[in-house]
């Protein structure tokens, strides 16, 4: 994955998380997860999952938890 693609996806995930950050933490994580699940292309979700597998640098706590939740749901 190109570094710029990862940076763009991290930026986008963090922007989504920021939009929901006024909510309680757990609600913000869930809203972020749902938004990414609904609106991101599977290829985008796959690339951000790869980024997380390599440390997930730059992701906010809400974005990271939301994306990890997506991965856990996919694995189940």
PDB file of N, CA and C in Angstrom:
ATOM      1  N   UNK A   1       0.860  -1.175   0.000  1.00  0.00           N
ATOM      2  CA  UNK A   1       0.000   0.000   0.000  1.00  0.00           C
ATOM      3  C   UNK A   1       0.897   1.227   0.000  1.00  0.00           C
ATOM      4  N   UNK A   2       0.529   2.166  -0.838  1.00  0.00           N
ATOM      5  CA  UNK A   2       1.348   3.375  -0.870  1.00  0.00           C
ATOM      6  C   UNK A   2       1.166   4.159   0.418  1.00  0.00           C
ATOM      7  N   UNK A   3       2.223   4.824   0.806  1.00  0.00           N
ATOM      8  CA  UNK A   3       2.193   5.601   2.048  1.00  0.00           C
ATOM      9  C   UNK A   3       1.139   6.702   1.967  1.00  0.00           C
ATOM     10  N   UNK A   4       0.999   7.310   0.795  1.00  0.00           N
ATOM     11  CA  UNK A   4       0.027   8.393   0.670  1.00  0.00           C
ATOM     12  C   UNK A   4      -1.403   7.876   0.787  1.00  0.00           C
ATOM     13  N   UNK A   5      -1.672   6.670   0.300  1.00  0.00           N
ATOM     14  CA  UNK A   5      -3.001   6.080   0.445  1.00  0.00           C
ATOM     15  C   UNK A   5      -3.311   5.859   1.914  1.00  0.00           C
ATOM     16  N   UNK A   6      -2.372   5.317   2.651  1.00  0.00           N
ATOM     17  CA  UNK A   6      -2.573   5.093   4.083  1.00  0.00           C
ATOM     18  C   UNK A   6      -2.813   6.415   4.793  1.00  0.00           C
ATOM     19  N   UNK A   7      -2.040   7.424   4.454  1.00  0.00           N
ATOM     20  CA  UNK A   7      -2.205   8.737   5.083  1.00  0.00           C
ATOM     21  C   UNK A   7      -3.585   9.313   4.806  1.00  0.00           C
ATOM     22  N   UNK A   8      -4.067   9.167   3.584  1.00  0.00           N
ATOM     23  CA  UNK A   8      -5.395   9.673   3.229  1.00  0.00           C
ATOM     24  C   UNK A   8      -6.483   8.938   4.002  1.00  0.00           C
ATOM     25  N   UNK A   9      -6.359   7.624   4.101  1.00  0.00           N
ATOM     26  CA  UNK A   9      -7.365   6.842   4.819  1.00  0.00           C
ATOM     27  C   UNK A   9      -7.344   7.146   6.313  1.00  0.00           C
ATOM     28  N   UNK A  10      -6.159   7.327   6.864  1.00  0.00           N
ATOM     29  CA  UNK A  10      -6.043   7.707   8.279  1.00  0.00           C
ATOM     30  C   UNK A  10      -6.705   9.061   8.489  1.00  0.00           C
ATOM     31  N   UNK A  11      -6.422  10.001   7.603  1.00  0.00           N
ATOM     32  CA  UNK A  11      -7.023  11.330   7.704  1.00  0.00           C
ATOM     33  C   UNK A  11      -8.545  11.230   7.661  1.00  0.00           C
ATOM     34  N   UNK A  12      -9.067  10.462   6.717  1.00  0.00           N
ATOM     35  CA  UNK A  12     -10.515  10.315   6.575  1.00  0.00           C
ATOM     36  C   UNK A  12     -11.129   9.667   7.813  1.00  0.00           C
ATOM     37  N   UNK A  13     -10.520   8.601   8.304  1.00  0.00           N
ATOM     38  CA  UNK A  13     -11.042   7.917   9.490  1.00  0.00           C
ATOM     39  C   UNK A  13     -11.033   8.850  10.694  1.00  0.00           C
ATOM     40  N   UNK A  14      -9.971   9.606  10.844  1.00  0.00           N
ATOM     41  CA  UNK A  14      -9.886  10.554  11.960  1.00  0.00           C
ATOM     42  C   UNK A  14     -10.926  11.666  11.833  1.00  0.00           C
ATOM     43  N   UNK A  15     -11.196  12.121  10.617  1.00  0.00           N
ATOM     44  CA  UNK A  15     -12.216  13.152  10.411  1.00  0.00           C
ATOM     45  C   UNK A  15     -13.596  12.625  10.802  1.00  0.00           C
ATOM     46  N   UNK A  16     -13.891  11.401  10.431  1.00  0.00           N
ATOM     47  CA  UNK A  16     -15.172  10.788  10.798  1.00  0.00           C
ATOM     48  C   UNK A  16     -15.259  10.670  12.312  1.00  0.00           C
ATOM     49  N   UNK A  17     -14.197  10.183  12.927  1.00  0.00           N
ATOM     50  CA  UNK A  17     -14.178  10.036  14.386  1.00  0.00           C
ATOM     51  C   UNK A  17     -14.358  11.383  15.073  1.00  0.00           C
ATOM     52  N   UNK A  18     -13.732  12.411  14.543  1.00  0.00           N
ATOM     53  CA  UNK A  18     -13.867  13.751  15.116  1.00  0.00           C
ATOM     54  C   UNK A  18     -15.312  14.236  15.035  1.00  0.00           C
ATOM     55  N   UNK A  19     -15.986  13.919  13.946  1.00  0.00           N
ATOM     56  CA  UNK A  19     -17.378  14.340  13.784  1.00  0.00           C
ATOM     57  C   UNK A  19     -18.279  13.752  14.866  1.00  0.00           C
ATOM     58  N   UNK A  20     -17.926  12.571  15.357  1.00  0.00           N
ATOM     59  CA  UNK A  20     -18.736  11.905  16.378  1.00  0.00           C
ATOM     60  C   UNK A  20     -18.168  12.069  17.785  1.00  0.00           C
ATOM     61  N   UNK A  21     -17.083  12.790  17.936  1.00  0.00           N
ATOM     62  CA  UNK A  21     -16.375  12.839  19.217  1.00  0.00           C
ATOM     63  C   UNK A  21     -17.122  13.561  20.333  1.00  0.00           C
ATOM     64  N   UNK A  22     -18.165  14.312  20.004  1.00  0.00           N
ATOM     65  CA  UNK A  22     -18.947  14.981  21.053  1.00  0.00           C
ATOM     66  C   UNK A  22     -19.823  13.986  21.813  1.00  0.00           C
ATOM     67  N   UNK A  23     -20.021  12.812  21.223  1.00  0.00           N
ATOM     68  CA  UNK A  23     -20.804  11.767  21.876  1.00  0.00           C
ATOM     69  C   UNK A  23     -19.941  11.072  22.923  1.00  0.00           C
ATOM     70  N   UNK A  24     -20.580  10.268  23.763  1.00  0.00           N
ATOM     71  CA  UNK A  24     -19.816   9.441  24.699  1.00  0.00           C
ATOM     72  C   UNK A  24     -18.884   8.553  23.884  1.00  0.00           C
ATOM     73  N   UNK A  25     -17.768   8.185  24.489  1.00  0.00           N
ATOM     74  CA  UNK A  25     -16.722   7.456  23.761  1.00  0.00           C
ATOM     75  C   UNK A  25     -17.265   6.218  23.039  1.00  0.00           C
ATOM     76  N   UNK A  26     -17.972   5.367  23.751  1.00  0.00           N
ATOM     77  CA  UNK A  26     -18.477   4.127  23.147  1.00  0.00           C
ATOM     78  C   UNK A  26     -19.434   4.420  21.993  1.00  0.00           C
ATOM     79  N   UNK A  27     -20.244   5.452  22.140  1.00  0.00           N
ATOM     80  CA  UNK A  27     -21.176   5.826  21.075  1.00  0.00           C
ATOM     81  C   UNK A  27     -20.429   6.388  19.873  1.00  0.00           C
ATOM     82  N   UNK A  28     -19.388   7.146  20.117  1.00  0.00           N
ATOM     83  CA  UNK A  28     -18.580   7.697  19.030  1.00  0.00           C
ATOM     84  C   UNK A  28     -17.879   6.587  18.256  1.00  0.00           C
ATOM     85  N   UNK A  29     -17.365   5.608  18.978  1.00  0.00           N
ATOM     86  CA  UNK A  29     -16.709   4.465  18.331  1.00  0.00           C
ATOM     87  C   UNK A  29     -17.712   3.722  17.454  1.00  0.00           C
ATOM     88  N   UNK A  30     -18.887   3.446  17.986  1.00  0.00           N
ATOM     89  CA  UNK A  30     -19.903   2.704  17.233  1.00  0.00           C
ATOM     90  C   UNK A  30     -20.382   3.501  16.022  1.00  0.00           C
ATOM     91  N   UNK A  31     -20.611   4.786  16.182  1.00  0.00           N
ATOM     92  CA  UNK A  31     -21.054   5.614  15.057  1.00  0.00           C
ATOM     93  C   UNK A  31     -19.983   5.677  13.969  1.00  0.00           C
ATOM     94  N   UNK A  32     -18.739   5.766  14.370  1.00  0.00           N
ATOM     95  CA  UNK A  32     -17.632   5.780  13.411  1.00  0.00           C
ATOM     96  C   UNK A  32     -17.558   4.450  12.679  1.00  0.00           C
ATOM     97  N   UNK A  33     -17.677   3.359  13.417  1.00  0.00           N
ATOM     98  CA  UNK A  33     -17.646   2.020  12.809  1.00  0.00           C
ATOM     99  C   UNK A  33     -18.765   1.865  11.783  1.00  0.00           C
ATOM    100  N   UNK A  34     -19.966   2.256  12.158  1.00  0.00           N
ATOM    101  CA  UNK A  34     -21.116   2.128  11.259  1.00  0.00           C
ATOM    102  C   UNK A  34     -20.916   2.982  10.006  1.00  0.00           C
ATOM    103  N   UNK A  35     -20.442   4.201  10.189  1.00  0.00           N
ATOM    104  CA  UNK A  35     -20.223   5.088   9.047  1.00  0.00           C
ATOM    105  C   UNK A  35     -19.214   4.472   8.067  1.00  0.00           C
ATOM    106  N   UNK A  36     -18.110   3.997   8.581  1.00  0.00           N
ATOM    107  CA  UNK A  36     -17.086   3.408   7.715  1.00  0.00           C
ATOM    108  C   UNK A  36     -17.617   2.144   7.044  1.00  0.00           C
ATOM    109  N   UNK A  37     -18.341   1.337   7.783  1.00  0.00           N
ATOM    110  CA  UNK A  37     -18.904   0.109   7.213  1.00  0.00           C
ATOM    111  C   UNK A  37     -19.881   0.429   6.078  1.00  0.00           C
ATOM    112  N   UNK A  38     -20.694   1.459   6.254  1.00  0.00           N
ATOM    113  CA  UNK A  38     -21.702   1.811   5.250  1.00  0.00           C
ATOM    114  C   UNK A  38     -21.122   2.510   4.025  1.00  0.00           C
ATOM    115  N   UNK A  39     -20.157   3.394   4.240  1.00  0.00           N
ATOM    116  CA  UNK A  39     -19.764   4.305   3.171  1.00  0.00           C
ATOM    117  C   UNK A  39     -18.388   4.067   2.560  1.00  0.00           C
ATOM    118  N   UNK A  40     -17.562   3.267   3.189  1.00  0.00           N
ATOM    119  CA  UNK A  40     -16.252   2.997   2.608  1.00  0.00           C
ATOM    120  C   UNK A  40     -16.325   1.762   1.728  1.00  0.00           C
ATOM    121  N   UNK A  41     -15.665   1.851   0.606  1.00  0.00           N
ATOM    122  CA  UNK A  41     -15.524   0.726  -0.307  1.00  0.00           C
ATOM    123  C   UNK A  41     -14.743  -0.393   0.396  1.00  0.00           C
ATOM    124  N   UNK A  42     -15.056  -1.658   0.103  1.00  0.00           N
ATOM    125  CA  UNK A  42     -14.309  -2.758   0.738  1.00  0.00           C
ATOM    126  C   UNK A  42     -12.795  -2.654   0.544  1.00  0.00           C
ATOM    127  N   UNK A  43     -12.366  -2.120  -0.585  1.00  0.00           N
ATOM    128  CA  UNK A  43     -10.919  -1.967  -0.814  1.00  0.00           C
ATOM    129  C   UNK A  43     -10.309  -0.966   0.160  1.00  0.00           C
ATOM    130  N   UNK A  44     -11.060   0.087   0.472  1.00  0.00           N
ATOM    131  CA  UNK A  44     -10.577   1.078   1.441  1.00  0.00           C
ATOM    132  C   UNK A  44     -10.475   0.442   2.821  1.00  0.00           C
ATOM    133  N   UNK A  45     -11.496  -0.332   3.196  1.00  0.00           N
ATOM    134  CA  UNK A  45     -11.476  -0.996   4.508  1.00  0.00           C
ATOM    135  C   UNK A  45     -10.331  -1.999   4.585  1.00  0.00           C
ATOM    136  N   UNK A  46     -10.067  -2.669   3.486  1.00  0.00           N
ATOM    137  CA  UNK A  46      -8.961  -3.626   3.451  1.00  0.00           C
ATOM    138  C   UNK A  46      -7.616  -2.920   3.610  1.00  0.00           C
ATOM    139  N   UNK A  47      -7.456  -1.795   2.951  1.00  0.00           N
ATOM    140  CA  UNK A  47      -6.187  -1.062   3.040  1.00  0.00           C
ATOM    141  C   UNK A  47      -5.962  -0.481   4.425  1.00  0.00           C
ATOM    142  N   UNK A  48      -7.016   0.017   5.071  1.00  0.00           N
ATOM    143  CA  UNK A  48      -6.831   0.561   6.420  1.00  0.00           C
ATOM    144  C   UNK A  48      -6.581  -0.580   7.403  1.00  0.00           C
ATOM    145  N   UNK A  49      -7.164  -1.750   7.156  1.00  0.00           N
ATOM    146  CA  UNK A  49      -6.893  -2.913   8.008  1.00  0.00           C
ATOM    147  C   UNK A  49      -5.420  -3.302   7.903  1.00  0.00           C
ATOM    148  N   UNK A  50      -4.875  -3.224   6.707  1.00  0.00           N
ATOM    149  CA  UNK A  50      -3.447  -3.505   6.505  1.00  0.00           C
ATOM    150  C   UNK A  50      -2.598  -2.484   7.266  1.00  0.00           C
ATOM    151  N   UNK A  51      -3.024  -1.238   7.235  1.00  0.00           N
ATOM    152  CA  UNK A  51      -2.305  -0.186   7.968  1.00  0.00           C
ATOM    153  C   UNK A  51      -2.326  -0.479   9.471  1.00  0.00           C
ATOM    154  N   UNK A  52      -3.466  -0.903   9.988  1.00  0.00           N
ATOM    155  CA  UNK A  52      -3.572  -1.244  11.412  1.00  0.00           C
ATOM    156  C   UNK A  52      -2.659  -2.418  11.741  1.00  0.00           C
ATOM    157  N   UNK A  53      -2.595  -3.388  10.848  1.00  0.00           N
ATOM    158  CA  UNK A  53      -1.731  -4.550  11.063  1.00  0.00           C
ATOM    159  C   UNK A  53      -0.260  -4.148  11.158  1.00  0.00           C
ATOM    160  N   UNK A  54       0.078  -3.013  10.567  1.00  0.00           N
ATOM    161  CA  UNK A  54       1.452  -2.508  10.627  1.00  0.00           C
ATOM    162  C   UNK A  54       1.619  -1.414  11.676  1.00  0.00           C
ATOM    163  N   UNK A  55       0.718  -1.371  12.639  1.00  0.00           N
ATOM    164  CA  UNK A  55       0.857  -0.436  13.752  1.00  0.00           C
ATOM    165  C   UNK A  55      -0.203   0.644  13.835  1.00  0.00           C
ATOM    166  N   UNK A  56      -0.852   0.948  12.720  1.00  0.00           N
ATOM    167  CA  UNK A  56      -1.933   1.925  12.731  1.00  0.00           C
ATOM    168  C   UNK A  56      -1.517   3.341  13.071  1.00  0.00           C
ATOM    169  N   UNK A  57      -0.312   3.709  12.703  1.00  0.00           N
ATOM    170  CA  UNK A  57       0.211   5.034  13.047  1.00  0.00           C
ATOM    171  C   UNK A  57      -0.732   6.144  12.590  1.00  0.00           C
ATOM    172  N   UNK A  58      -0.967   7.103  13.491  1.00  0.00           N
ATOM    173  CA  UNK A  58      -1.738   8.284  13.158  1.00  0.00           C
ATOM    174  C   UNK A  58      -3.219   8.212  13.440  1.00  0.00           C
ATOM    175  N   UNK A  59      -3.734   7.026  13.726  1.00  0.00           N
ATOM    176  CA  UNK A  59      -5.169   6.903  13.990  1.00  0.00           C
ATOM    177  C   UNK A  59      -5.516   7.411  15.382  1.00  0.00           C
ATOM    178  N   UNK A  60      -6.611   8.129  15.466  1.00  0.00           N
ATOM    179  CA  UNK A  60      -7.104   8.568  16.773  1.00  0.00           C
ATOM    180  C   UNK A  60      -7.636   7.349  17.526  1.00  0.00           C
ATOM    181  N   UNK A  61      -7.750   7.431  18.839  1.00  0.00           N
ATOM    182  CA  UNK A  61      -8.280   6.293  19.603  1.00  0.00           C
ATOM    183  C   UNK A  61      -9.676   5.862  19.137  1.00  0.00           C
ATOM    184  N   UNK A  62     -10.543   6.823  18.844  1.00  0.00           N
ATOM    185  CA  UNK A  62     -11.900   6.474  18.391  1.00  0.00           C
ATOM    186  C   UNK A  62     -11.836   5.764  17.043  1.00  0.00           C
ATOM    187  N   UNK A  63     -11.075   6.299  16.111  1.00  0.00           N
ATOM    188  CA  UNK A  63     -10.958   5.688  14.790  1.00  0.00           C
ATOM    189  C   UNK A  63     -10.358   4.290  14.892  1.00  0.00           C
ATOM    190  N   UNK A  64      -9.315   4.142  15.693  1.00  0.00           N
ATOM    191  CA  UNK A  64      -8.675   2.831  15.842  1.00  0.00           C
ATOM    192  C   UNK A  64      -9.657   1.803  16.404  1.00  0.00           C
ATOM    193  N   UNK A  65     -10.357   2.166  17.471  1.00  0.00           N
ATOM    194  CA  UNK A  65     -11.312   1.228  18.067  1.00  0.00           C
ATOM    195  C   UNK A  65     -12.424   0.872  17.088  1.00  0.00           C
ATOM    196  N   UNK A  66     -12.896   1.850  16.334  1.00  0.00           N
ATOM    197  CA  UNK A  66     -13.949   1.591  15.352  1.00  0.00           C
ATOM    198  C   UNK A  66     -13.464   0.613  14.284  1.00  0.00           C
ATOM    199  N   UNK A  67     -12.265   0.837  13.790  1.00  0.00           N
ATOM    200  CA  UNK A  67     -11.720  -0.028  12.750  1.00  0.00           C
ATOM    201  C   UNK A  67     -11.400  -1.418  13.282  1.00  0.00           C
ATOM    202  N   UNK A  68     -10.911  -1.496  14.504  1.00  0.00           N
ATOM    203  CA  UNK A  68     -10.673  -2.808  15.111  1.00  0.00           C
ATOM    204  C   UNK A  68     -11.994  -3.547  15.305  1.00  0.00           C
ATOM    205  N   UNK A  69     -13.056  -2.807  15.631  1.00  0.00           N
ATOM    206  CA  UNK A  69     -14.384  -3.410  15.748  1.00  0.00           C
ATOM    207  C   UNK A  69     -14.874  -3.963  14.425  1.00  0.00           C
ATOM    208  N   UNK A  70     -14.595  -3.260  13.347  1.00  0.00           N
ATOM    209  CA  UNK A  70     -14.956  -3.763  12.018  1.00  0.00           C
ATOM    210  C   UNK A  70     -14.220  -5.061  11.713  1.00  0.00           C
ATOM    211  N   UNK A  71     -12.934  -5.093  12.040  1.00  0.00           N
ATOM    212  CA  UNK A  71     -12.145  -6.298  11.790  1.00  0.00           C
ATOM    213  C   UNK A  71     -12.657  -7.468  12.619  1.00  0.00           C
ATOM    214  N   UNK A  72     -13.009  -7.209  13.873  1.00  0.00           N
ATOM    215  CA  UNK A  72     -13.509  -8.270  14.747  1.00  0.00           C
ATOM    216  C   UNK A  72     -14.835  -8.809  14.229  1.00  0.00           C
ATOM    217  N   UNK A  73     -15.707  -7.921  13.762  1.00  0.00           N
ATOM    218  CA  UNK A  73     -17.001  -8.353  13.231  1.00  0.00           C
ATOM    219  C   UNK A  73     -16.813  -9.173  11.958  1.00  0.00           C
ATOM    220  N   UNK A  74     -15.854  -8.786  11.137  1.00  0.00           N
ATOM    221  CA  UNK A  74     -15.573  -9.514   9.900  1.00  0.00           C
ATOM    222  C   UNK A  74     -15.026 -10.910  10.200  1.00  0.00           C
ATOM    223  N   UNK A  75     -14.205 -11.011  11.242  1.00  0.00           N
ATOM    224  CA  UNK A  75     -13.589 -12.293  11.605  1.00  0.00           C
ATOM    225  C   UNK A  75     -14.588 -13.246  12.260  1.00  0.00           C
ATOM    226  N   UNK A  76     -15.634 -12.704  12.848  1.00  0.00           N
ATOM    227  CA  UNK A  76     -16.618 -13.537  13.571  1.00  0.00           C
ATOM    228  C   UNK A  76     -17.540 -14.277  12.641  1.00  0.00           C
TER     229      UNK A  76
END
